Amino acid sequence: MGRQIIQTNRAPQAIGPYSQAVRAGDTVYLSGQIPLDPETMQLVTGDIEAEIRRVFDNLKAVAEAAGGTLANAVKVNVFLTDLSHFVKVNDIMAIYCTQPYPARAAIGVAQLPRGARVEIECVLYLG
């Protein structure tokens, strides 16, 4: 089984030595997304809801480039610098992911790249 690198201009370009996603067989591993605007490569700031939506929009774009959607998500990992924002993540995730919902973990962290307050990664199953 080979691996296929997934790349789209509809999501931010990698800011380090990694790919936006890698497909191995029927499984796609999406790298963590922070609320970077793909056109400007600048963080969306101010409103945490806008930041979370930007992250999910970025993930959605990468999922679509891989030939799937966020409905194919089987595992989601959420990283937050302030766990009080988790209620907003739940509200917004319910818009982007449909039932049956994927497995999920939420982790409180001290810092994220570029000073982001939220980062989300996920795994898709396309089989």
N, C-alpha and C. Protein backbone atom coordinates (compact mmCIF):
# COMPACT_ATOMS: atom_id res chain seq x y z
N MET A 1 0.86 -1.17 0.00
CA MET A 1 0.00 0.00 0.00
C MET A 1 0.90 1.23 0.00
N GLY A 2 0.70 2.10 -0.97
CA GLY A 2 1.47 3.33 -1.04
C GLY A 2 0.79 4.44 -0.27
N ARG A 3 1.42 5.57 -0.31
CA ARG A 3 0.81 6.74 0.33
C ARG A 3 0.72 7.86 -0.68
N GLN A 4 -0.33 8.65 -0.53
CA GLN A 4 -0.59 9.76 -1.44
C GLN A 4 -0.62 11.04 -0.62
N ILE A 5 0.11 12.04 -1.07
CA ILE A 5 0.12 13.33 -0.40
C ILE A 5 -1.06 14.15 -0.90
N ILE A 6 -1.81 14.74 0.02
CA ILE A 6 -2.98 15.55 -0.31
C ILE A 6 -2.60 17.02 -0.13
N GLN A 7 -2.94 17.84 -1.11
CA GLN A 7 -2.61 19.27 -1.04
C GLN A 7 -3.70 20.05 -1.74
N THR A 8 -4.09 21.18 -1.15
CA THR A 8 -5.06 22.07 -1.77
C THR A 8 -4.72 23.51 -1.44
N ASN A 9 -4.99 24.41 -2.36
CA ASN A 9 -4.82 25.84 -2.11
C ASN A 9 -5.98 26.43 -1.33
N ARG A 10 -7.04 25.64 -1.10
CA ARG A 10 -8.20 26.11 -0.34
C ARG A 10 -7.98 26.05 1.17
N ALA A 11 -6.83 25.51 1.57
CA ALA A 11 -6.45 25.47 2.99
C ALA A 11 -5.03 26.04 3.09
N PRO A 12 -4.64 26.48 4.29
CA PRO A 12 -3.30 27.06 4.44
C PRO A 12 -2.21 26.07 4.03
N GLN A 13 -1.17 26.59 3.44
CA GLN A 13 -0.02 25.77 3.10
C GLN A 13 0.71 25.39 4.38
N ALA A 14 1.38 24.28 4.37
CA ALA A 14 2.11 23.82 5.55
C ALA A 14 3.13 24.87 5.97
N ILE A 15 3.26 25.09 7.28
CA ILE A 15 4.22 26.06 7.79
C ILE A 15 5.43 25.35 8.39
N GLY A 16 5.66 24.15 7.94
CA GLY A 16 6.80 23.35 8.39
C GLY A 16 6.97 22.14 7.49
N PRO A 17 7.81 21.22 7.89
CA PRO A 17 8.08 20.03 7.05
C PRO A 17 7.02 18.94 7.23
N TYR A 18 5.82 19.21 6.76
CA TYR A 18 4.73 18.24 6.81
C TYR A 18 3.78 18.50 5.65
N SER A 19 2.88 17.57 5.43
CA SER A 19 1.87 17.67 4.37
C SER A 19 0.53 18.03 5.00
N GLN A 20 -0.35 18.65 4.20
CA GLN A 20 -1.69 18.95 4.70
C GLN A 20 -2.41 17.66 5.10
N ALA A 21 -2.20 16.60 4.34
CA ALA A 21 -2.78 15.30 4.65
C ALA A 21 -2.02 14.23 3.89
N VAL A 22 -2.13 13.01 4.40
CA VAL A 22 -1.54 11.85 3.73
C VAL A 22 -2.58 10.75 3.71
N ARG A 23 -2.79 10.19 2.51
CA ARG A 23 -3.72 9.07 2.37
C ARG A 23 -2.91 7.78 2.29
N ALA A 24 -3.31 6.81 3.10
CA ALA A 24 -2.72 5.48 3.08
C ALA A 24 -3.87 4.49 2.98
N GLY A 25 -4.05 3.93 1.80
CA GLY A 25 -5.20 3.06 1.58
C GLY A 25 -6.48 3.87 1.66
N ASP A 26 -7.41 3.42 2.48
CA ASP A 26 -8.70 4.11 2.64
C ASP A 26 -8.71 5.11 3.79
N THR A 27 -7.54 5.32 4.41
CA THR A 27 -7.45 6.20 5.56
C THR A 27 -6.68 7.46 5.19
N VAL A 28 -7.20 8.62 5.62
CA VAL A 28 -6.54 9.90 5.36
C VAL A 28 -6.27 10.56 6.70
N TYR A 29 -5.01 10.93 6.90
CA TYR A 29 -4.58 11.60 8.13
C TYR A 29 -4.42 13.08 7.82
N LEU A 30 -5.29 13.91 8.39
CA LEU A 30 -5.23 15.35 8.17
C LEU A 30 -4.37 15.99 9.26
N SER A 31 -3.39 16.77 8.85
CA SER A 31 -2.56 17.49 9.81
C SER A 31 -3.40 18.50 10.57
N GLY A 32 -2.91 18.87 11.74
CA GLY A 32 -3.60 19.86 12.55
C GLY A 32 -3.72 21.18 11.82
N GLN A 33 -4.88 21.79 11.94
CA GLN A 33 -5.14 23.09 11.34
C GLN A 33 -5.36 24.11 12.45
N ILE A 34 -4.74 25.27 12.29
CA ILE A 34 -4.99 26.41 13.15
C ILE A 34 -5.78 27.41 12.33
N PRO A 35 -6.31 28.47 12.92
CA PRO A 35 -7.17 29.38 12.17
C PRO A 35 -6.42 30.34 11.24
N LEU A 36 -5.66 29.76 10.32
CA LEU A 36 -4.97 30.56 9.30
C LEU A 36 -5.88 30.75 8.11
N ASP A 37 -5.97 31.97 7.62
CA ASP A 37 -6.67 32.26 6.37
C ASP A 37 -5.79 31.75 5.24
N PRO A 38 -6.28 30.87 4.36
CA PRO A 38 -5.43 30.30 3.31
C PRO A 38 -4.93 31.33 2.30
N GLU A 39 -5.62 32.44 2.14
CA GLU A 39 -5.19 33.44 1.16
C GLU A 39 -4.10 34.34 1.71
N THR A 40 -4.21 34.71 2.98
CA THR A 40 -3.24 35.65 3.56
C THR A 40 -2.19 34.96 4.43
N MET A 41 -2.47 33.72 4.84
CA MET A 41 -1.62 32.97 5.78
C MET A 41 -1.47 33.71 7.11
N GLN A 42 -2.48 34.52 7.45
CA GLN A 42 -2.53 35.22 8.73
C GLN A 42 -3.61 34.58 9.60
N LEU A 43 -3.39 34.63 10.92
CA LEU A 43 -4.39 34.10 11.84
C LEU A 43 -5.65 34.93 11.82
N VAL A 44 -6.80 34.26 11.84
CA VAL A 44 -8.07 34.91 12.10
C VAL A 44 -8.06 35.17 13.60
N THR A 45 -8.31 36.39 14.00
CA THR A 45 -8.22 36.71 15.43
C THR A 45 -9.47 37.40 15.92
N GLY A 46 -9.56 37.52 17.23
CA GLY A 46 -10.65 38.26 17.85
C GLY A 46 -11.70 37.36 18.43
N ASP A 47 -12.55 36.83 17.60
CA ASP A 47 -13.69 36.04 18.03
C ASP A 47 -13.35 34.55 17.97
N ILE A 48 -13.46 33.84 19.09
CA ILE A 48 -13.11 32.42 19.12
C ILE A 48 -14.00 31.61 18.17
N GLU A 49 -15.27 32.01 18.01
CA GLU A 49 -16.13 31.30 17.08
C GLU A 49 -15.61 31.40 15.66
N ALA A 50 -15.15 32.57 15.25
CA ALA A 50 -14.58 32.74 13.90
C ALA A 50 -13.32 31.89 13.75
N GLU A 51 -12.54 31.80 14.80
CA GLU A 51 -11.31 31.00 14.74
C GLU A 51 -11.65 29.52 14.58
N ILE A 52 -12.61 29.04 15.36
CA ILE A 52 -12.99 27.62 15.27
C ILE A 52 -13.60 27.32 13.90
N ARG A 53 -14.45 28.20 13.38
CA ARG A 53 -15.02 28.00 12.05
C ARG A 53 -13.94 27.96 10.97
N ARG A 54 -12.94 28.83 11.09
CA ARG A 54 -11.84 28.85 10.12
C ARG A 54 -11.09 27.52 10.14
N VAL A 55 -10.87 26.98 11.34
CA VAL A 55 -10.20 25.69 11.46
C VAL A 55 -11.03 24.61 10.77
N PHE A 56 -12.34 24.57 11.04
CA PHE A 56 -13.17 23.56 10.40
C PHE A 56 -13.27 23.78 8.89
N ASP A 57 -13.29 25.02 8.43
CA ASP A 57 -13.28 25.28 6.98
C ASP A 57 -11.99 24.75 6.36
N ASN A 58 -10.87 24.94 7.05
CA ASN A 58 -9.59 24.42 6.54
C ASN A 58 -9.61 22.90 6.47
N LEU A 59 -10.08 22.26 7.54
CA LEU A 59 -10.18 20.80 7.54
C LEU A 59 -11.11 20.30 6.44
N LYS A 60 -12.23 20.98 6.26
CA LYS A 60 -13.19 20.61 5.22
C LYS A 60 -12.54 20.67 3.84
N ALA A 61 -11.76 21.71 3.58
CA ALA A 61 -11.10 21.86 2.28
C ALA A 61 -10.10 20.73 2.03
N VAL A 62 -9.35 20.36 3.05
CA VAL A 62 -8.38 19.26 2.90
C VAL A 62 -9.11 17.94 2.73
N ALA A 63 -10.18 17.72 3.49
CA ALA A 63 -10.97 16.49 3.35
C ALA A 63 -11.52 16.37 1.93
N GLU A 64 -12.03 17.46 1.38
CA GLU A 64 -12.56 17.44 0.02
C GLU A 64 -11.46 17.19 -1.00
N ALA A 65 -10.28 17.74 -0.78
CA ALA A 65 -9.15 17.49 -1.69
C ALA A 65 -8.75 16.02 -1.67
N ALA A 66 -9.02 15.35 -0.56
CA ALA A 66 -8.71 13.92 -0.44
C ALA A 66 -9.82 13.04 -1.03
N GLY A 67 -10.92 13.65 -1.45
CA GLY A 67 -12.03 12.89 -2.01
C GLY A 67 -13.11 12.53 -1.01
N GLY A 68 -13.09 13.21 0.15
CA GLY A 68 -14.09 12.91 1.18
C GLY A 68 -14.73 14.18 1.70
N THR A 69 -15.34 14.06 2.85
CA THR A 69 -15.93 15.19 3.57
C THR A 69 -15.66 14.96 5.05
N LEU A 70 -16.04 15.91 5.86
CA LEU A 70 -15.90 15.72 7.30
C LEU A 70 -16.87 14.67 7.83
N ALA A 71 -17.86 14.28 7.04
CA ALA A 71 -18.73 13.16 7.42
C ALA A 71 -17.95 11.85 7.45
N ASN A 72 -16.79 11.81 6.79
CA ASN A 72 -15.94 10.63 6.79
C ASN A 72 -14.98 10.59 7.99
N ALA A 73 -15.02 11.61 8.83
CA ALA A 73 -14.12 11.66 9.98
C ALA A 73 -14.44 10.54 10.96
N VAL A 74 -13.41 9.81 11.38
CA VAL A 74 -13.58 8.76 12.38
C VAL A 74 -12.91 9.14 13.71
N LYS A 75 -11.99 10.10 13.68
CA LYS A 75 -11.30 10.54 14.89
C LYS A 75 -10.93 12.00 14.75
N VAL A 76 -11.23 12.78 15.77
CA VAL A 76 -10.91 14.21 15.80
C VAL A 76 -10.17 14.50 17.10
N ASN A 77 -9.06 15.21 17.00
CA ASN A 77 -8.33 15.67 18.18
C ASN A 77 -8.37 17.19 18.20
N VAL A 78 -8.83 17.74 19.32
CA VAL A 78 -8.97 19.18 19.50
C VAL A 78 -7.97 19.63 20.56
N PHE A 79 -7.21 20.66 20.23
CA PHE A 79 -6.24 21.24 21.15
C PHE A 79 -6.66 22.68 21.42
N LEU A 80 -6.82 23.03 22.69
CA LEU A 80 -7.26 24.37 23.07
C LEU A 80 -6.34 24.94 24.14
N THR A 81 -6.03 26.23 24.01
CA THR A 81 -5.26 26.89 25.06
C THR A 81 -6.15 27.30 26.22
N ASP A 82 -7.46 27.26 26.03
CA ASP A 82 -8.42 27.59 27.08
C ASP A 82 -9.61 26.64 26.93
N LEU A 83 -9.72 25.67 27.82
CA LEU A 83 -10.78 24.66 27.70
C LEU A 83 -12.18 25.23 27.89
N SER A 84 -12.31 26.46 28.34
CA SER A 84 -13.64 27.06 28.44
C SER A 84 -14.25 27.28 27.05
N HIS A 85 -13.42 27.24 26.00
CA HIS A 85 -13.92 27.39 24.63
C HIS A 85 -14.48 26.08 24.07
N PHE A 86 -14.42 25.01 24.86
CA PHE A 86 -14.85 23.71 24.35
C PHE A 86 -16.33 23.68 24.01
N VAL A 87 -17.15 24.43 24.73
CA VAL A 87 -18.58 24.50 24.41
C VAL A 87 -18.78 25.02 23.00
N LYS A 88 -18.01 26.04 22.60
CA LYS A 88 -18.09 26.59 21.24
C LYS A 88 -17.64 25.56 20.22
N VAL A 89 -16.58 24.80 20.55
CA VAL A 89 -16.12 23.75 19.64
C VAL A 89 -17.26 22.76 19.42
N ASN A 90 -17.94 22.35 20.48
CA ASN A 90 -19.07 21.41 20.34
C ASN A 90 -20.14 21.97 19.42
N ASP A 91 -20.53 23.22 19.65
CA ASP A 91 -21.59 23.84 18.84
C ASP A 91 -21.21 23.88 17.36
N ILE A 92 -19.98 24.27 17.08
CA ILE A 92 -19.55 24.43 15.69
C ILE A 92 -19.26 23.08 15.05
N MET A 93 -18.69 22.16 15.81
CA MET A 93 -18.41 20.82 15.26
C MET A 93 -19.70 20.14 14.82
N ALA A 94 -20.79 20.36 15.54
CA ALA A 94 -22.08 19.75 15.19
C ALA A 94 -22.60 20.27 13.85
N ILE A 95 -22.12 21.42 13.40
CA ILE A 95 -22.50 21.96 12.09
C ILE A 95 -21.70 21.27 10.98
N TYR A 96 -20.42 21.01 11.23
CA TYR A 96 -19.52 20.47 10.21
C TYR A 96 -19.50 18.95 10.17
N CYS A 97 -19.79 18.28 11.27
CA CYS A 97 -19.76 16.82 11.34
C CYS A 97 -21.17 16.33 11.66
N THR A 98 -21.59 15.33 10.93
CA THR A 98 -22.95 14.81 11.12
C THR A 98 -22.92 13.52 11.91
N GLN A 99 -24.10 13.15 12.43
CA GLN A 99 -24.21 11.88 13.15
C GLN A 99 -24.11 10.72 12.17
N PRO A 100 -23.53 9.62 12.54
CA PRO A 100 -22.88 9.37 13.82
C PRO A 100 -21.55 10.14 13.89
N TYR A 101 -21.34 10.82 15.02
CA TYR A 101 -20.16 11.67 15.18
C TYR A 101 -18.90 10.82 15.32
N PRO A 102 -17.77 11.39 14.93
CA PRO A 102 -16.50 10.67 15.08
C PRO A 102 -16.08 10.59 16.55
N ALA A 103 -15.15 9.69 16.84
CA ALA A 103 -14.51 9.68 18.15
C ALA A 103 -13.74 10.99 18.29
N ARG A 104 -13.53 11.43 19.54
CA ARG A 104 -12.88 12.73 19.71
C ARG A 104 -12.13 12.79 21.03
N ALA A 105 -11.06 13.57 21.03
CA ALA A 105 -10.35 13.91 22.26
C ALA A 105 -10.20 15.41 22.29
N ALA A 106 -10.20 15.97 23.50
CA ALA A 106 -9.97 17.40 23.69
C ALA A 106 -8.84 17.54 24.69
N ILE A 107 -7.83 18.30 24.30
CA ILE A 107 -6.64 18.43 25.12
C ILE A 107 -6.36 19.89 25.37
N GLY A 108 -6.16 20.25 26.63
CA GLY A 108 -5.76 21.60 26.99
C GLY A 108 -4.24 21.71 26.88
N VAL A 109 -3.77 22.73 26.19
CA VAL A 109 -2.34 22.90 25.97
C VAL A 109 -1.92 24.31 26.38
N ALA A 110 -0.63 24.47 26.66
CA ALA A 110 -0.11 25.78 27.07
C ALA A 110 0.01 26.73 25.88
N GLN A 111 0.44 26.21 24.74
CA GLN A 111 0.66 27.04 23.56
C GLN A 111 0.39 26.24 22.29
N LEU A 112 0.10 26.99 21.22
CA LEU A 112 -0.07 26.42 19.89
C LEU A 112 0.74 27.26 18.91
N PRO A 113 1.03 26.73 17.72
CA PRO A 113 1.81 27.50 16.74
C PRO A 113 1.21 28.87 16.46
N ARG A 114 2.07 29.84 16.27
CA ARG A 114 1.71 31.21 15.91
C ARG A 114 0.76 31.90 16.90
N GLY A 115 0.68 31.39 18.11
CA GLY A 115 -0.18 31.99 19.11
C GLY A 115 -1.65 31.65 18.94
N ALA A 116 -1.96 30.63 18.14
CA ALA A 116 -3.36 30.22 17.94
C ALA A 116 -3.95 29.74 19.26
N ARG A 117 -5.27 29.84 19.34
CA ARG A 117 -5.98 29.36 20.54
C ARG A 117 -6.62 27.99 20.33
N VAL A 118 -6.69 27.55 19.06
CA VAL A 118 -7.31 26.26 18.75
C VAL A 118 -6.57 25.62 17.59
N GLU A 119 -6.40 24.31 17.69
CA GLU A 119 -5.88 23.49 16.59
C GLU A 119 -6.67 22.20 16.59
N ILE A 120 -7.03 21.73 15.39
CA ILE A 120 -7.80 20.49 15.28
C ILE A 120 -7.19 19.65 14.16
N GLU A 121 -7.06 18.36 14.43
CA GLU A 121 -6.61 17.39 13.44
C GLU A 121 -7.64 16.27 13.37
N CYS A 122 -7.64 15.54 12.27
CA CYS A 122 -8.59 14.43 12.20
C CYS A 122 -8.12 13.34 11.26
N VAL A 123 -8.79 12.21 11.36
CA VAL A 123 -8.54 11.06 10.51
C VAL A 123 -9.84 10.74 9.80
N LEU A 124 -9.75 10.53 8.48
CA LEU A 124 -10.91 10.16 7.67
C LEU A 124 -10.80 8.71 7.25
N TYR A 125 -11.93 8.05 7.09
CA TYR A 125 -11.98 6.72 6.49
C TYR A 125 -12.83 6.84 5.23
N LEU A 126 -12.24 6.50 4.08
CA LEU A 126 -12.93 6.66 2.79
C LEU A 126 -13.37 5.33 2.18
N GLY A 127 -13.29 4.25 2.92
CA GLY A 127 -13.62 2.93 2.39
C GLY A 127 -15.09 2.64 2.33
